[in-house]
Protein backbone atom coordinates (compact mmCIF):
# COMPACT_ATOMS: atom_id res chain seq x y z
CA MET A 1 14.06 6.65 -24.72
CA SER A 2 13.07 3.10 -25.72
CA GLU A 3 9.73 1.68 -24.68
CA THR A 4 11.39 -0.60 -22.14
CA GLY A 5 13.83 2.06 -20.95
CA ILE A 6 13.81 3.51 -17.46
CA ILE A 7 11.09 6.11 -17.05
CA PRO A 8 12.07 9.66 -16.02
CA PRO A 9 11.57 10.77 -12.40
CA LYS A 10 7.94 10.77 -11.23
CA ARG A 11 6.01 11.84 -8.16
CA ILE A 12 4.84 8.64 -6.48
CA VAL A 13 2.67 8.10 -3.40
CA VAL A 14 3.61 5.14 -1.21
CA THR A 15 1.06 4.15 1.44
CA GLY A 16 1.68 2.29 4.67
CA VAL A 17 5.26 3.47 5.23
CA GLY A 18 5.16 2.45 8.87
CA ALA A 19 5.71 -1.19 7.86
CA ALA A 20 8.76 -2.69 6.16
CA PRO A 21 7.33 -3.15 2.63
CA GLY A 22 6.19 0.46 2.28
CA PHE A 23 9.25 1.89 4.05
CA ASP A 24 11.73 -0.01 1.86
CA LEU A 25 9.72 0.72 -1.29
CA ALA A 26 9.86 4.46 -0.53
CA ARG A 27 13.64 4.34 -0.07
CA HIS A 28 14.13 2.31 -3.24
CA LEU A 29 12.04 4.73 -5.29
CA GLN A 30 14.22 7.55 -3.97
CA ARG A 31 17.31 5.69 -5.18
CA LEU A 32 15.67 5.55 -8.61
CA GLN A 33 15.42 9.37 -8.48
CA HIS A 34 11.65 9.56 -8.00
CA HIS A 35 10.06 12.02 -5.58
CA VAL A 36 8.17 10.04 -2.94
CA ILE A 37 5.05 11.13 -1.09
CA CYS A 38 4.81 8.93 2.01
CA THR A 39 1.50 8.34 3.79
CA ASP A 40 0.56 6.53 6.96
CA ALA A 41 -2.06 6.74 9.69
CA GLN A 42 0.60 6.82 12.43
CA PRO A 43 2.15 10.32 12.70
CA LEU A 44 5.51 8.87 13.77
CA ALA A 45 5.64 6.07 11.20
CA PRO A 46 9.32 5.74 10.21
CA GLY A 47 8.70 6.31 6.50
CA LEU A 48 7.25 9.74 7.24
CA LEU A 49 10.61 10.74 8.75
CA LEU A 50 12.74 9.76 5.77
CA PRO A 51 14.82 12.63 4.36
CA ARG A 52 13.54 14.40 1.23
CA VAL A 53 10.09 12.76 1.17
CA THR A 54 6.80 14.62 1.30
CA ALA A 55 5.09 13.22 4.40
CA ARG A 56 1.34 13.15 5.02
CA VAL A 57 -0.71 11.58 7.79
CA THR A 58 -3.99 10.06 6.62
CA PRO A 59 -6.94 8.46 8.38
CA ARG A 60 -6.79 4.70 8.89
CA ALA A 61 -7.86 2.73 5.84
CA ASP A 62 -10.96 1.48 7.68
CA HIS A 63 -12.04 5.04 8.59
CA PRO A 64 -14.94 6.54 6.55
CA ALA A 65 -12.81 9.62 5.79
CA TYR A 66 -9.91 7.67 4.26
CA ALA A 67 -11.08 7.64 0.64
CA ALA A 68 -11.90 11.35 0.52
CA ALA A 69 -8.61 12.19 2.23
CA MET A 70 -6.60 10.26 -0.35
CA VAL A 71 -8.39 11.90 -3.26
CA GLN A 72 -7.85 15.32 -1.70
CA LEU A 73 -4.18 14.56 -1.09
CA CYS A 74 -3.74 13.63 -4.75
CA ARG A 75 -5.52 16.78 -5.92
CA GLN A 76 -3.20 18.89 -3.79
CA LEU A 77 0.13 17.16 -4.46
CA ARG A 78 -0.49 16.00 -8.06
CA PRO A 79 1.37 12.66 -7.93
CA ASP A 80 1.81 10.61 -11.09
CA ALA A 81 1.19 7.24 -9.45
CA LEU A 82 0.29 5.50 -6.20
CA MET A 83 1.85 2.29 -4.87
CA VAL A 84 0.36 0.33 -1.97
CA GLY A 85 2.64 -0.71 0.87
CA ILE A 86 0.14 -2.41 3.17
CA GLU A 87 -2.87 -4.67 2.68
CA ASN A 88 -5.32 -2.49 4.61
CA ASP A 89 -5.24 0.18 1.88
CA LEU A 90 -6.03 -2.12 -1.06
CA LEU A 91 -9.83 -2.30 -1.14
CA PRO A 92 -10.48 1.36 -0.21
CA LEU A 93 -8.10 2.48 -2.95
CA LEU A 94 -9.69 0.18 -5.50
CA GLU A 95 -13.03 1.83 -4.75
CA ILE A 96 -11.63 5.25 -5.67
CA ARG A 97 -9.55 4.08 -8.63
CA GLU A 98 -11.61 6.15 -11.09
CA ASP A 99 -11.42 9.24 -8.87
CA LEU A 100 -7.64 8.89 -8.76
CA ALA A 101 -7.46 8.44 -12.52
CA ARG A 102 -9.43 11.66 -13.03
CA VAL A 103 -6.71 13.60 -11.20
CA GLY A 104 -3.97 11.85 -13.19
CA VAL A 105 -2.88 9.21 -10.66
CA ARG A 106 -2.03 5.73 -11.90
CA LEU A 107 -2.85 2.72 -9.69
CA TRP A 108 -1.92 -0.75 -10.91
CA LEU A 109 -3.74 -3.54 -9.07
CA PRO A 110 -5.77 -6.62 -10.01
CA ASP A 111 -9.56 -6.45 -9.89
CA ALA A 112 -11.47 -6.34 -6.61
CA ALA A 113 -12.40 -10.04 -6.69
CA SER A 114 -8.76 -11.05 -6.93
CA VAL A 115 -7.72 -8.66 -4.16
CA GLU A 116 -10.53 -9.85 -1.89
CA ALA A 117 -9.61 -13.50 -2.44
CA CYS A 118 -6.02 -12.81 -1.42
CA LEU A 119 -6.95 -10.70 1.62
CA ASP A 120 -9.23 -13.44 2.98
CA LYS A 121 -6.93 -16.41 3.63
CA ALA A 122 -9.84 -18.85 3.86
CA ALA A 123 -11.12 -17.68 0.47
CA PHE A 124 -7.58 -17.92 -0.94
CA HIS A 125 -7.43 -21.52 0.25
CA GLU A 126 -10.57 -22.26 -1.74
CA VAL A 127 -9.01 -20.65 -4.82
CA LEU A 128 -5.95 -22.87 -4.47
CA VAL A 129 -7.97 -26.05 -3.93
CA LYS A 130 -10.20 -25.33 -6.93
CA ALA A 131 -7.12 -24.77 -9.13
CA GLY A 132 -5.34 -27.88 -7.84
CA VAL A 133 -2.52 -25.90 -6.22
CA PRO A 134 -1.01 -27.85 -3.28
CA THR A 135 -1.59 -26.08 0.01
CA ALA A 136 -2.04 -26.63 3.74
CA ARG A 137 -5.22 -28.23 5.02
CA THR A 138 -7.41 -25.36 6.19
CA VAL A 139 -10.68 -25.33 8.13
CA LEU A 140 -12.89 -22.83 9.90
CA PRO A 141 -13.62 -23.25 13.64
CA GLU A 142 -16.90 -25.07 13.03
CA GLN A 143 -15.05 -27.58 10.81
CA LEU A 144 -12.30 -28.42 13.31
CA ASP A 145 -13.69 -31.90 14.04
CA GLU A 146 -13.02 -32.80 10.39
CA VAL A 147 -9.28 -32.68 11.16
CA PRO A 148 -8.04 -35.92 12.79
CA GLU A 149 -6.63 -35.35 16.28
CA GLY A 150 -2.90 -35.92 16.72
CA GLU A 151 -1.80 -35.61 13.10
CA GLY A 152 0.56 -32.72 13.84
CA ALA A 153 0.64 -29.16 15.06
CA LEU A 154 -2.03 -26.64 14.10
CA VAL A 155 -1.80 -22.94 13.33
CA VAL A 156 -4.62 -20.63 14.40
CA LYS A 157 -4.56 -17.25 12.67
CA PRO A 158 -6.90 -14.54 11.38
CA ARG A 159 -8.53 -14.92 8.00
CA ARG A 160 -7.50 -11.31 7.43
CA GLY A 161 -4.23 -10.09 8.81
CA HIS A 162 -0.59 -9.35 8.15
CA GLY A 163 2.77 -9.26 9.88
CA ALA A 164 2.11 -12.57 11.70
CA GLN A 165 -0.21 -10.78 14.12
CA HIS A 166 -2.45 -13.07 16.23
CA VAL A 167 -0.79 -16.21 14.80
CA HIS A 168 -0.51 -19.09 17.29
CA ILE A 169 0.75 -22.67 17.10
CA CYS A 170 -0.91 -25.39 19.15
CA SER A 171 -0.98 -29.19 19.31
CA THR A 172 -4.54 -30.17 20.29
CA HIS A 173 -8.09 -29.45 19.20
CA GLU A 174 -8.88 -28.15 22.70
CA GLN A 175 -6.08 -25.58 22.47
CA ALA A 176 -7.22 -24.59 18.97
CA ARG A 177 -10.78 -23.97 20.18
CA VAL A 178 -9.52 -21.70 22.97
CA LEU A 179 -7.34 -19.76 20.54
CA CYS A 180 -10.28 -19.35 18.18
CA GLU A 181 -12.03 -17.44 20.96
CA LEU A 182 -9.10 -15.01 21.09
CA VAL A 183 -8.10 -14.59 17.44
CA PRO A 184 -10.24 -12.24 15.30
CA GLU A 185 -12.02 -14.06 12.44
CA PRO A 186 -10.01 -17.24 13.04
CA MET A 187 -9.11 -20.13 10.78
CA ILE A 188 -7.06 -23.24 11.44
CA GLN A 189 -4.33 -24.70 9.25
CA GLU A 190 -2.01 -27.64 9.57
CA ARG A 191 1.50 -26.50 10.43
CA LEU A 192 3.77 -27.03 7.45
CA LEU A 193 7.35 -28.20 7.89
CA GLY A 194 10.42 -27.81 5.70
CA TYR A 195 11.97 -24.67 4.24
CA GLU A 196 9.82 -21.55 4.13
CA PHE A 197 10.15 -19.44 0.98
CA THR A 198 8.88 -16.25 -0.62
CA ALA A 199 8.57 -15.57 -4.34
CA ASP A 200 8.86 -11.88 -5.20
CA CYS A 201 6.69 -11.60 -8.31
CA LEU A 202 5.77 -9.23 -11.11
CA VAL A 203 2.88 -10.16 -13.41
CA ASP A 204 2.61 -7.99 -16.52
CA ARG A 205 -0.59 -6.95 -18.29
CA THR A 206 -0.44 -10.00 -20.60
CA GLY A 207 -0.34 -12.35 -17.60
CA ARG A 208 3.33 -13.22 -18.06
CA ALA A 209 4.99 -13.61 -14.67
CA ALA A 210 8.47 -13.28 -13.25
CA ALA A 211 9.29 -14.83 -9.88
CA VAL A 212 12.39 -14.47 -7.71
CA LEU A 213 12.66 -17.32 -5.20
CA ARG A 214 14.25 -16.88 -1.79
CA TYR A 215 14.40 -19.00 1.34
CA ARG A 216 13.27 -17.28 4.54
CA ALA A 217 16.07 -18.43 6.85
CA LEU A 218 15.08 -16.23 9.78
CA VAL A 219 11.61 -14.75 10.22
CA LYS A 220 10.56 -12.29 12.95
CA SER A 221 6.98 -11.00 13.23
CA GLY A 222 6.27 -12.25 9.73
CA LEU A 223 9.21 -10.35 8.21
CA SER A 224 12.07 -12.22 6.58
CA MET A 225 15.24 -11.02 8.32
CA VAL A 226 17.69 -13.40 6.64
CA SER A 227 17.05 -14.68 3.10
CA THR A 228 18.94 -16.38 0.27
CA THR A 229 17.88 -16.63 -3.36
CA PHE A 230 17.59 -20.04 -5.02
CA HIS A 231 16.45 -21.67 -8.25
CA ASP A 232 14.00 -24.59 -8.22
CA GLU A 233 11.90 -25.46 -11.27
CA GLN A 234 9.16 -27.17 -9.27
CA VAL A 235 8.76 -24.26 -6.85
CA ASP A 236 8.75 -21.82 -9.76
CA ALA A 237 6.03 -23.81 -11.53
CA VAL A 238 3.78 -23.95 -8.45
CA VAL A 239 4.25 -20.21 -7.85
CA ARG A 240 3.19 -19.46 -11.43
CA GLN A 241 0.20 -21.76 -11.06
CA THR A 242 -0.76 -19.82 -7.93
CA LEU A 243 -0.47 -16.44 -9.65
CA ALA A 244 -2.69 -17.60 -12.51
CA ALA A 245 -5.30 -19.11 -10.17
CA ALA A 246 -5.56 -15.89 -8.15
CA GLY A 247 -5.64 -13.56 -11.16
CA ALA A 248 -2.57 -11.74 -9.86
CA MET A 249 -1.40 -8.56 -11.54
CA GLY A 250 1.52 -6.22 -10.88
CA LEU A 251 3.78 -6.54 -7.85
CA CYS A 252 2.94 -9.29 -5.38
CA CYS A 253 4.57 -12.04 -3.35
CA VAL A 254 3.75 -15.72 -2.85
CA GLN A 255 4.71 -17.67 0.28
CA GLY A 256 4.96 -21.38 0.89
CA PHE A 257 7.07 -24.31 2.07
CA VAL A 258 9.37 -26.84 0.47
CA ASP A 259 9.40 -30.20 2.26
CA ASP A 260 11.41 -32.91 0.51
CA ALA A 261 9.94 -35.54 2.85
CA HIS A 262 6.31 -34.80 1.94
CA PRO A 263 4.48 -36.27 -1.08
CA GLN A 264 3.45 -32.72 -2.03
CA ARG A 265 6.95 -31.25 -1.95
CA VAL A 266 5.85 -27.64 -2.56
CA ARG A 267 2.82 -26.16 -0.80
CA ILE A 268 1.54 -22.58 -0.91
CA THR A 269 0.27 -20.68 2.13
CA GLU A 270 -0.56 -17.17 0.91
CA LEU A 271 -0.32 -14.49 -1.76
CA ASN A 272 0.08 -10.82 -0.83
CA VAL A 273 -1.11 -8.20 -3.33
CA ARG A 274 1.80 -5.87 -2.54
CA ILE A 275 5.57 -5.75 -2.58
CA ALA A 276 7.21 -8.06 -0.04
CA GLY A 277 9.19 -6.78 2.93
CA GLY A 278 12.31 -8.54 1.60
CA PHE A 279 12.05 -7.44 -2.04
CA ALA A 280 15.45 -5.72 -1.77
CA LEU A 281 17.03 -9.17 -2.09
CA ALA A 282 15.39 -9.66 -5.50
CA GLU A 283 16.88 -6.33 -6.60
CA ALA A 284 20.29 -7.26 -5.18
CA ALA A 285 20.14 -10.53 -7.11
CA GLY A 286 19.63 -8.65 -10.37
CA ALA A 287 15.85 -8.46 -10.84
CA GLU A 288 14.58 -4.93 -11.52
CA LEU A 289 11.19 -5.49 -9.90
CA ILE A 290 10.43 -1.87 -9.12
CA GLY A 291 11.78 -0.35 -12.32
CA GLN A 292 9.91 -2.82 -14.54
CA SER A 293 6.76 -2.41 -12.47
CA LEU A 294 6.90 1.34 -13.09
CA ASN A 295 7.43 0.71 -16.80
CA ALA A 296 4.18 -1.26 -16.89
CA MET A 297 2.36 1.28 -14.74
CA PHE A 298 3.19 4.01 -17.25
CA GLY A 299 2.20 1.99 -20.32
CA ARG A 300 5.55 0.52 -21.29
CA HIS A 301 6.39 -3.12 -21.84
CA VAL A 302 7.94 -5.16 -19.03
CA ASP A 303 11.43 -6.26 -20.07
CA HIS A 304 11.51 -9.77 -18.63
CA SER A 305 15.20 -10.13 -19.45
CA ARG A 306 15.80 -7.60 -16.68
CA LEU A 307 13.89 -9.71 -14.17
CA ALA A 308 16.35 -12.60 -14.23
CA TYR A 309 18.22 -13.18 -10.98
CA ARG A 310 21.19 -15.01 -9.49
CA PRO A 311 20.84 -17.77 -6.87
CA GLY A 312 22.96 -17.76 -3.73
CA ILE A 313 22.58 -14.02 -3.04
CA PHE A 314 21.79 -13.23 0.60
CA LEU A 315 20.11 -10.40 2.49
CA THR A 316 20.26 -9.67 6.20
CA LYS A 317 17.96 -7.10 7.83
CA TYR A 318 18.03 -5.61 11.29
CA VAL A 319 16.04 -3.12 13.35
CA GLU A 320 17.63 0.28 13.84
CA THR A 321 16.64 3.58 15.44
CA LEU A 322 15.72 5.95 12.63
CA ALA A 323 15.05 9.12 14.60
CA SER A 324 14.25 10.55 18.02
CA GLY A 325 13.41 14.00 19.27
CA ASP A 326 10.71 16.45 20.27
CA GLN A 327 7.38 15.52 18.68
CA THR A 328 6.17 19.12 18.80
CA LEU A 329 8.87 20.02 16.26
CA LEU A 330 7.06 17.95 13.64
CA PRO A 331 3.95 20.10 13.00
CA ALA A 332 3.54 18.80 9.43
CA LEU A 333 2.90 15.32 10.81
CA SER A 334 0.54 16.27 13.61
CA GLU A 335 -2.60 16.72 11.55
CA VAL A 336 -4.54 14.35 9.36
CA CYS A 337 -4.69 15.53 5.74
């Protein structure tokens, strides 16, 4: 097998399989012939009910028992690697990276400072501003008066969050102040117009990045339901500038807007240190994001020629019923590991 060839089947833990990124990652790894160990804090998370996976319920990532439970799980099931499907798991897993390595589990993430900067959207804004990356004007509640009234709609959202939870659009400072009382750890951004996009990215250990651009034509609860790939040199350049500024490593996704009517045509809104919920479109367009990520995780070179993609490829997602039945017939999922 060549150094850039496809690695043989491995045992891989995927966390957060109750959300789309982790669920779809688990299914894709199965298609690549890997054995998947799915974990989630919700006993009926859909990924735990996938056929042929090993399913384990864990404590929530913010629970004191989470770290010990994950180490114990890895000692028992002897996985080769662990891939994160949801933001909540990132920092706790980074803290036990050495413990996981001692039991033979590979975890490929950037350093804690980079992860923290991406999890805190206000801190990420500061990273972008310092690096000269165009982005939305962003202020904390006590800085709201610095934003001129009437210059456009505002978005109030949590500094830490995912899946578009607690995100609200308003038009006045008075409305923004009320929303800041309701949103946990709030921040305020100008509402960007134009075409929303995601870049599905893989940054190798040398810092070389690949980015697959796709327009988010229909978004529901933060998840891209209809997407189309496109090529745009300016967007690609700003995405790469963002990845470098944040110290990104491994699989991640960058989001932003393209507005041809604005002086700053491309502006970035966030970077997620995980696979995107719509990454299947990148794969359909020809980019082997997951396969090349696994190559790097297991010490092989990333073959960037296999991360090229075609524009004009579409993806449409929908919500379906995965399973129903008697919960008492699922004893393996009823107890926390």
